Amino acid sequence: MEAAAKADGVTVPTSIDADSKKKVDALASADSANLDQAYLSTQLTAHQDAVKLFEQYSKSGPDGQLKNTAGKILPDLRMHLVRVQGLTSK
């Protein structure tokens, strides 16, 4: 993704955003009894967001390497989402 973004002149962030930092901090401070559920919940949301973003960009983004790469990665993201959904339903 980084190489595709660079080829298209898109700047890639070099640090984590504030919302993501809060989520990481919450996981780091979760007690062991709730860590698995908290992690799965975070992963479910992250994968849902990623699939939505990649779907939108692969359909509506400007033509270029980044759009093509988003389309190529999307099937793997969908598969990961299905797997996380399966884990959260147990």
Protein backbone atom coordinates (compact mmCIF):
# COMPACT_ATOMS: atom_id res chain seq x y z
CA MET A 1 0.00 0.00 0.00
CA GLU A 2 2.77 2.41 0.89
CA ALA A 3 4.48 2.01 -2.48
CA ALA A 4 1.17 2.45 -4.33
CA ALA A 5 0.34 5.55 -2.29
CA LYS A 6 3.78 7.00 -2.95
CA ALA A 7 3.45 6.31 -6.69
CA ASP A 8 0.17 8.24 -6.67
CA GLY A 9 1.57 11.10 -4.60
CA VAL A 10 -0.45 10.26 -1.49
CA THR A 11 1.24 10.92 1.84
CA VAL A 12 1.13 8.00 4.26
CA PRO A 13 0.79 8.83 7.97
CA THR A 14 3.86 8.01 10.05
CA SER A 15 2.09 7.85 13.41
CA ILE A 16 -1.10 6.49 14.89
CA ASP A 17 -4.15 8.77 15.08
CA ALA A 18 -5.73 9.75 18.41
CA ASP A 19 -8.75 7.44 18.09
CA SER A 20 -6.57 4.42 17.32
CA LYS A 21 -4.25 5.32 20.19
CA LYS A 22 -7.22 5.26 22.59
CA LYS A 23 -8.16 1.79 21.37
CA VAL A 24 -4.61 0.49 21.79
CA ASP A 25 -4.42 2.00 25.27
CA ALA A 26 -7.76 0.41 26.21
CA LEU A 27 -6.50 -2.99 25.10
CA ALA A 28 -3.24 -2.51 26.96
CA SER A 29 -5.10 -1.75 30.17
CA ALA A 30 -7.78 -4.45 29.82
CA ASP A 31 -7.77 -7.11 32.50
CA SER A 32 -6.94 -10.63 31.36
CA ALA A 33 -10.51 -11.85 31.85
CA ASN A 34 -11.83 -9.36 29.28
CA LEU A 35 -8.84 -9.02 26.94
CA ASP A 36 -9.92 -11.61 24.37
CA GLN A 37 -13.39 -10.12 24.00
CA ALA A 38 -12.05 -6.56 23.88
CA TYR A 39 -9.49 -7.55 21.24
CA LEU A 40 -12.06 -9.35 19.09
CA SER A 41 -14.45 -6.42 19.33
CA THR A 42 -11.71 -4.04 18.24
CA GLN A 43 -10.71 -6.35 15.38
CA LEU A 44 -14.30 -6.69 14.20
CA THR A 45 -14.75 -2.94 13.99
CA ALA A 46 -11.35 -2.44 12.37
CA HIS A 47 -12.05 -5.05 9.69
CA GLN A 48 -15.53 -3.66 9.00
CA ASP A 49 -14.05 -0.18 8.60
CA ALA A 50 -11.23 -1.45 6.39
CA VAL A 51 -13.57 -3.35 4.08
CA LYS A 52 -15.81 -0.30 3.74
CA LEU A 53 -12.85 2.00 3.03
CA PHE A 54 -11.25 -0.34 0.49
CA GLU A 55 -14.60 -0.97 -1.24
CA GLN A 56 -15.25 2.76 -1.58
CA TYR A 57 -11.75 3.58 -2.74
CA SER A 58 -11.54 0.70 -5.24
CA LYS A 59 -14.84 1.89 -6.79
CA SER A 60 -14.66 5.67 -6.47
CA GLY A 61 -11.03 6.59 -5.86
CA PRO A 62 -8.95 8.32 -8.49
CA ASP A 63 -7.41 5.97 -11.05
CA GLY A 64 -3.90 4.89 -10.15
CA GLN A 65 -1.84 2.31 -8.31
CA LEU A 66 -3.52 2.95 -4.98
CA LYS A 67 -6.98 2.24 -6.41
CA ASN A 68 -5.70 -0.92 -8.10
CA THR A 69 -3.97 -2.09 -4.93
CA ALA A 70 -7.10 -1.46 -2.85
CA GLY A 71 -9.06 -3.68 -5.25
CA LYS A 72 -6.45 -6.43 -5.04
CA ILE A 73 -6.36 -6.40 -1.23
CA LEU A 74 -10.15 -6.23 -0.76
CA PRO A 75 -10.82 -10.00 -1.13
CA ASP A 76 -8.31 -10.77 1.64
CA LEU A 77 -9.86 -8.14 3.89
CA ARG A 78 -13.30 -9.63 3.31
CA MET A 79 -11.97 -13.08 4.19
CA HIS A 80 -10.40 -11.74 7.39
CA LEU A 81 -13.68 -10.04 8.30
CA VAL A 82 -15.58 -13.31 7.90
CA ARG A 83 -13.05 -15.06 10.13
CA VAL A 84 -13.26 -12.39 12.82
CA GLN A 85 -17.06 -12.52 12.66
CA GLY A 86 -16.84 -16.28 13.19
CA LEU A 87 -14.66 -15.81 16.25
CA THR A 88 -16.94 -13.19 17.77
CA SER A 89 -20.01 -15.39 17.39
CA LYS A 90 -18.54 -18.11 19.61
